[in-house]
Amino acid sequence: MTTTAHIDTTRPVATLINVFTVSPDRQSELVDLLAQATEETMRRQPGFICANFHASLDGERVINYAQWESEEHYRAMLTNPEARVHMDKAATIASDVQPRLFRVASSHRGEPTPNGNR
């Protein structure tokens, strides 16, 4: 089953948005590494909810949009040696890494089209 972020202003989750700057020829390598790290390590960490990876069309950015049950769960993961190995490897592929924690302040959905799709 695929789990995606549930964006809701009433859920008290910690939302990680991590922007990686990467050479276009290494973008897919970084996405693959992040996906593998999530499957092997991150998803087993206490408080982990989900992670989504977005590759910019120009090849120069990868965005990790992830949710944790709390900031404390996220911070605990940062001290886990197994998780650190993956994060350190990602930092060798990316030229810049900008992780930030957020709260969902506002969320909006499009109107359904006549056929019921969005």
N, C-alpha and C. Protein backbone atom coordinates (compact mmCIF):
# COMPACT_ATOMS: atom_id res chain seq x y z
N MET A 1 0.84 -1.17 0.00
CA MET A 1 0.00 0.00 0.00
C MET A 1 0.89 1.24 0.00
N THR A 2 0.52 2.22 -0.78
CA THR A 2 1.26 3.47 -0.84
C THR A 2 0.70 4.44 0.19
N THR A 3 1.58 5.03 0.98
CA THR A 3 1.17 6.03 1.95
C THR A 3 1.69 7.38 1.49
N THR A 4 0.81 8.35 1.49
CA THR A 4 1.22 9.69 1.12
C THR A 4 0.95 10.63 2.28
N ALA A 5 1.53 11.79 2.21
CA ALA A 5 1.33 12.80 3.26
C ALA A 5 -0.14 13.18 3.33
N HIS A 6 -0.62 13.30 4.53
CA HIS A 6 -1.99 13.78 4.74
C HIS A 6 -1.85 15.21 5.24
N ILE A 7 -2.12 16.14 4.36
CA ILE A 7 -1.91 17.55 4.68
C ILE A 7 -3.19 18.10 5.30
N ASP A 8 -3.10 18.41 6.59
CA ASP A 8 -4.28 18.80 7.36
C ASP A 8 -3.82 19.73 8.48
N THR A 9 -4.42 20.89 8.56
CA THR A 9 -4.01 21.87 9.57
C THR A 9 -4.36 21.44 10.99
N THR A 10 -5.22 20.44 11.15
CA THR A 10 -5.63 20.00 12.49
C THR A 10 -4.76 18.88 13.03
N ARG A 11 -3.89 18.33 12.21
CA ARG A 11 -3.01 17.24 12.66
C ARG A 11 -1.73 17.83 13.23
N PRO A 12 -1.40 17.52 14.47
CA PRO A 12 -0.18 18.08 15.08
C PRO A 12 1.06 17.26 14.71
N VAL A 13 1.45 17.28 13.44
CA VAL A 13 2.63 16.55 12.98
C VAL A 13 3.76 17.53 12.68
N ALA A 14 4.97 17.01 12.68
CA ALA A 14 6.13 17.78 12.26
C ALA A 14 6.36 17.46 10.79
N THR A 15 6.34 18.48 9.96
CA THR A 15 6.55 18.30 8.52
C THR A 15 7.96 18.73 8.18
N LEU A 16 8.72 17.81 7.64
CA LEU A 16 10.08 18.10 7.19
C LEU A 16 10.03 18.42 5.70
N ILE A 17 10.57 19.55 5.34
CA ILE A 17 10.79 19.87 3.93
C ILE A 17 12.29 20.08 3.79
N ASN A 18 12.92 19.17 3.07
CA ASN A 18 14.37 19.19 2.91
C ASN A 18 14.66 19.42 1.43
N VAL A 19 15.35 20.51 1.14
CA VAL A 19 15.68 20.87 -0.24
C VAL A 19 17.14 20.52 -0.48
N PHE A 20 17.36 19.63 -1.42
CA PHE A 20 18.72 19.23 -1.82
C PHE A 20 19.04 19.89 -3.15
N THR A 21 20.19 20.52 -3.25
CA THR A 21 20.69 21.02 -4.53
C THR A 21 21.67 19.97 -5.05
N VAL A 22 21.51 19.60 -6.30
CA VAL A 22 22.28 18.49 -6.84
C VAL A 22 22.60 18.75 -8.31
N SER A 23 23.69 18.18 -8.76
CA SER A 23 24.02 18.24 -10.19
C SER A 23 22.98 17.40 -10.94
N PRO A 24 22.47 17.89 -12.06
CA PRO A 24 21.45 17.13 -12.79
C PRO A 24 21.84 15.69 -13.11
N ASP A 25 23.12 15.44 -13.33
CA ASP A 25 23.54 14.08 -13.65
C ASP A 25 23.53 13.16 -12.42
N ARG A 26 23.28 13.72 -11.22
CA ARG A 26 23.23 12.90 -10.00
C ARG A 26 21.86 12.93 -9.33
N GLN A 27 20.90 13.63 -9.94
CA GLN A 27 19.58 13.74 -9.33
C GLN A 27 18.94 12.37 -9.08
N SER A 28 18.92 11.52 -10.08
CA SER A 28 18.26 10.21 -9.91
C SER A 28 19.01 9.35 -8.89
N GLU A 29 20.32 9.50 -8.82
CA GLU A 29 21.11 8.77 -7.82
C GLU A 29 20.68 9.19 -6.41
N LEU A 30 20.47 10.48 -6.21
CA LEU A 30 20.05 10.97 -4.91
C LEU A 30 18.64 10.49 -4.57
N VAL A 31 17.73 10.57 -5.52
CA VAL A 31 16.36 10.08 -5.28
C VAL A 31 16.40 8.60 -4.91
N ASP A 32 17.17 7.82 -5.64
CA ASP A 32 17.28 6.38 -5.35
C ASP A 32 17.83 6.14 -3.95
N LEU A 33 18.85 6.90 -3.57
CA LEU A 33 19.44 6.75 -2.24
C LEU A 33 18.43 7.10 -1.16
N LEU A 34 17.71 8.20 -1.33
CA LEU A 34 16.73 8.61 -0.33
C LEU A 34 15.59 7.59 -0.21
N ALA A 35 15.15 7.07 -1.34
CA ALA A 35 14.09 6.05 -1.32
C ALA A 35 14.57 4.77 -0.62
N GLN A 36 15.79 4.36 -0.92
CA GLN A 36 16.36 3.17 -0.29
C GLN A 36 16.53 3.39 1.22
N ALA A 37 17.02 4.55 1.61
CA ALA A 37 17.20 4.86 3.03
C ALA A 37 15.86 4.84 3.76
N THR A 38 14.83 5.34 3.09
CA THR A 38 13.50 5.34 3.70
C THR A 38 13.00 3.92 3.89
N GLU A 39 13.14 3.10 2.88
CA GLU A 39 12.67 1.71 2.96
C GLU A 39 13.46 0.90 3.99
N GLU A 40 14.77 1.09 4.03
CA GLU A 40 15.63 0.29 4.91
C GLU A 40 15.68 0.78 6.35
N THR A 41 15.56 2.09 6.56
CA THR A 41 15.81 2.65 7.89
C THR A 41 14.73 3.59 8.39
N MET A 42 14.45 4.63 7.65
CA MET A 42 13.59 5.70 8.16
C MET A 42 12.19 5.21 8.54
N ARG A 43 11.60 4.39 7.69
CA ARG A 43 10.22 3.96 7.95
C ARG A 43 10.09 3.12 9.21
N ARG A 44 11.20 2.61 9.73
CA ARG A 44 11.19 1.81 10.95
C ARG A 44 11.46 2.65 12.21
N GLN A 45 11.72 3.93 12.01
CA GLN A 45 12.01 4.81 13.14
C GLN A 45 10.70 5.18 13.85
N PRO A 46 10.73 5.22 15.18
CA PRO A 46 9.53 5.63 15.92
C PRO A 46 9.05 7.01 15.47
N GLY A 47 7.76 7.12 15.24
CA GLY A 47 7.17 8.40 14.88
C GLY A 47 7.17 8.73 13.40
N PHE A 48 7.82 7.91 12.57
CA PHE A 48 7.83 8.17 11.13
C PHE A 48 6.43 7.93 10.57
N ILE A 49 5.94 8.86 9.75
CA ILE A 49 4.64 8.71 9.11
C ILE A 49 4.81 8.42 7.63
N CYS A 50 5.51 9.30 6.91
CA CYS A 50 5.68 9.09 5.47
C CYS A 50 6.77 10.01 4.93
N ALA A 51 7.22 9.67 3.73
CA ALA A 51 8.18 10.52 3.02
C ALA A 51 7.84 10.49 1.54
N ASN A 52 7.98 11.63 0.90
CA ASN A 52 7.74 11.77 -0.53
C ASN A 52 8.92 12.52 -1.11
N PHE A 53 9.37 12.07 -2.28
CA PHE A 53 10.52 12.70 -2.92
C PHE A 53 10.09 13.30 -4.25
N HIS A 54 10.50 14.53 -4.46
CA HIS A 54 10.13 15.26 -5.67
C HIS A 54 11.41 15.66 -6.39
N ALA A 55 11.47 15.36 -7.68
CA ALA A 55 12.64 15.71 -8.51
C ALA A 55 12.25 16.87 -9.42
N SER A 56 13.00 17.97 -9.33
CA SER A 56 12.69 19.14 -10.16
C SER A 56 12.92 18.80 -11.63
N LEU A 57 12.14 19.44 -12.47
CA LEU A 57 12.24 19.17 -13.90
C LEU A 57 13.56 19.64 -14.49
N ASP A 58 14.21 20.62 -13.86
CA ASP A 58 15.52 21.07 -14.36
C ASP A 58 16.66 20.19 -13.87
N GLY A 59 16.36 19.22 -13.00
CA GLY A 59 17.37 18.28 -12.53
C GLY A 59 18.23 18.78 -11.38
N GLU A 60 18.01 20.01 -10.93
CA GLU A 60 18.91 20.62 -9.95
C GLU A 60 18.45 20.55 -8.50
N ARG A 61 17.25 20.04 -8.25
CA ARG A 61 16.74 19.97 -6.88
C ARG A 61 16.04 18.64 -6.65
N VAL A 62 16.11 18.21 -5.41
CA VAL A 62 15.29 17.10 -4.91
C VAL A 62 14.67 17.62 -3.63
N ILE A 63 13.37 17.44 -3.50
CA ILE A 63 12.66 17.86 -2.30
C ILE A 63 12.18 16.62 -1.57
N ASN A 64 12.46 16.56 -0.29
CA ASN A 64 11.93 15.51 0.58
C ASN A 64 10.84 16.17 1.43
N TYR A 65 9.61 15.71 1.24
CA TYR A 65 8.48 16.18 2.05
C TYR A 65 8.10 14.99 2.92
N ALA A 66 8.40 15.08 4.20
CA ALA A 66 8.16 13.96 5.11
C ALA A 66 7.37 14.43 6.33
N GLN A 67 6.69 13.49 6.95
CA GLN A 67 5.95 13.80 8.16
C GLN A 67 6.37 12.85 9.28
N TRP A 68 6.48 13.46 10.48
CA TRP A 68 6.81 12.73 11.70
C TRP A 68 5.73 13.05 12.73
N GLU A 69 5.47 12.13 13.63
CA GLU A 69 4.44 12.35 14.64
C GLU A 69 4.71 13.58 15.50
N SER A 70 6.00 13.90 15.70
CA SER A 70 6.36 15.06 16.51
C SER A 70 7.78 15.50 16.16
N GLU A 71 8.10 16.71 16.58
CA GLU A 71 9.48 17.18 16.40
C GLU A 71 10.44 16.30 17.19
N GLU A 72 10.03 15.83 18.34
CA GLU A 72 10.89 14.97 19.16
C GLU A 72 11.24 13.68 18.42
N HIS A 73 10.26 13.09 17.72
CA HIS A 73 10.54 11.88 16.94
C HIS A 73 11.56 12.17 15.83
N TYR A 74 11.40 13.30 15.17
CA TYR A 74 12.33 13.67 14.12
C TYR A 74 13.73 13.87 14.69
N ARG A 75 13.83 14.58 15.79
CA ARG A 75 15.14 14.85 16.41
C ARG A 75 15.80 13.55 16.90
N ALA A 76 15.00 12.62 17.41
CA ALA A 76 15.56 11.33 17.84
C ALA A 76 16.14 10.57 16.65
N MET A 77 15.48 10.63 15.50
CA MET A 77 15.99 9.97 14.31
C MET A 77 17.35 10.54 13.92
N LEU A 78 17.53 11.84 14.10
CA LEU A 78 18.80 12.47 13.73
C LEU A 78 19.98 11.92 14.53
N THR A 79 19.72 11.39 15.70
CA THR A 79 20.80 10.84 16.53
C THR A 79 21.03 9.35 16.31
N ASN A 80 20.20 8.73 15.48
CA ASN A 80 20.33 7.30 15.22
C ASN A 80 21.49 7.06 14.25
N PRO A 81 22.49 6.27 14.66
CA PRO A 81 23.66 6.05 13.80
C PRO A 81 23.32 5.45 12.44
N GLU A 82 22.34 4.56 12.39
CA GLU A 82 21.95 3.94 11.12
C GLU A 82 21.36 4.99 10.17
N ALA A 83 20.55 5.88 10.71
CA ALA A 83 19.97 6.95 9.90
C ALA A 83 21.06 7.93 9.46
N ARG A 84 22.01 8.21 10.33
CA ARG A 84 23.09 9.15 10.00
C ARG A 84 23.89 8.69 8.79
N VAL A 85 24.11 7.39 8.67
CA VAL A 85 24.87 6.88 7.52
C VAL A 85 24.21 7.31 6.22
N HIS A 86 22.89 7.16 6.14
CA HIS A 86 22.17 7.55 4.92
C HIS A 86 22.21 9.06 4.70
N MET A 87 22.02 9.82 5.77
CA MET A 87 22.02 11.28 5.63
C MET A 87 23.39 11.79 5.21
N ASP A 88 24.44 11.20 5.77
CA ASP A 88 25.80 11.61 5.40
C ASP A 88 26.09 11.29 3.94
N LYS A 89 25.62 10.14 3.47
CA LYS A 89 25.83 9.76 2.07
C LYS A 89 25.09 10.73 1.15
N ALA A 90 23.85 11.09 1.50
CA ALA A 90 23.09 12.06 0.70
C ALA A 90 23.84 13.39 0.62
N ALA A 91 24.47 13.79 1.72
CA ALA A 91 25.21 15.05 1.75
C ALA A 91 26.43 15.02 0.85
N THR A 92 26.95 13.83 0.52
CA THR A 92 28.08 13.76 -0.41
C THR A 92 27.63 13.86 -1.86
N ILE A 93 26.36 13.57 -2.12
CA ILE A 93 25.81 13.68 -3.48
C ILE A 93 25.33 15.09 -3.76
N ALA A 94 24.68 15.69 -2.78
CA ALA A 94 24.13 17.03 -2.94
C ALA A 94 25.19 18.08 -2.64
N SER A 95 25.10 19.21 -3.32
CA SER A 95 26.03 20.31 -3.04
C SER A 95 25.51 21.19 -1.91
N ASP A 96 24.21 21.09 -1.61
CA ASP A 96 23.62 21.86 -0.53
C ASP A 96 22.41 21.09 -0.01
N VAL A 97 22.21 21.12 1.31
CA VAL A 97 21.09 20.44 1.94
C VAL A 97 20.45 21.43 2.91
N GLN A 98 19.15 21.66 2.77
CA GLN A 98 18.45 22.65 3.58
C GLN A 98 17.22 22.04 4.26
N PRO A 99 17.40 21.29 5.36
CA PRO A 99 16.24 20.73 6.05
C PRO A 99 15.59 21.76 6.98
N ARG A 100 14.26 21.78 6.98
CA ARG A 100 13.51 22.66 7.87
C ARG A 100 12.25 21.94 8.32
N LEU A 101 11.85 22.16 9.57
CA LEU A 101 10.59 21.63 10.08
C LEU A 101 9.51 22.69 9.96
N PHE A 102 8.31 22.25 9.61
CA PHE A 102 7.18 23.15 9.42
C PHE A 102 5.94 22.58 10.09
N ARG A 103 4.96 23.45 10.28
CA ARG A 103 3.61 23.02 10.63
C ARG A 103 2.73 23.42 9.46
N VAL A 104 1.71 22.65 9.20
CA VAL A 104 0.80 23.00 8.12
C VAL A 104 -0.07 24.16 8.58
N ALA A 105 0.05 25.29 7.92
CA ALA A 105 -0.69 26.49 8.31
C ALA A 105 -1.99 26.63 7.53
N SER A 106 -2.04 26.10 6.30
CA SER A 106 -3.23 26.22 5.47
C SER A 106 -3.17 25.14 4.40
N SER A 107 -4.32 24.57 4.07
CA SER A 107 -4.38 23.52 3.06
C SER A 107 -5.63 23.72 2.21
N HIS A 108 -5.51 23.54 0.89
CA HIS A 108 -6.62 23.80 -0.03
C HIS A 108 -6.66 22.71 -1.10
N ARG A 109 -7.85 22.37 -1.54
CA ARG A 109 -8.02 21.37 -2.59
C ARG A 109 -8.77 22.00 -3.75
N GLY A 110 -8.52 21.48 -4.94
CA GLY A 110 -9.23 21.96 -6.12
C GLY A 110 -10.66 21.47 -6.15
N GLU A 111 -11.46 22.12 -6.95
CA GLU A 111 -12.85 21.71 -7.15
C GLU A 111 -12.87 20.47 -8.05
N PRO A 112 -13.77 19.54 -7.78
CA PRO A 112 -13.89 18.37 -8.67
C PRO A 112 -14.31 18.80 -10.08
N THR A 113 -13.79 18.12 -11.06
CA THR A 113 -14.19 18.38 -12.44
C THR A 113 -15.52 17.65 -12.71
N PRO A 114 -16.18 17.91 -13.82
CA PRO A 114 -17.46 17.27 -14.10
C PRO A 114 -17.41 15.73 -14.04
N ASN A 115 -16.25 15.12 -14.36
CA ASN A 115 -16.16 13.67 -14.30
C ASN A 115 -15.78 13.16 -12.92
N GLY A 116 -15.69 14.07 -11.94
CA GLY A 116 -15.41 13.67 -10.55
C GLY A 116 -13.95 13.65 -10.18
N ASN A 117 -13.05 13.87 -11.13
CA ASN A 117 -11.61 13.89 -10.84
C ASN A 117 -11.16 15.28 -10.44
N ARG A 118 -10.01 15.35 -9.82
CA ARG A 118 -9.42 16.64 -9.46
C ARG A 118 -8.31 16.96 -10.42
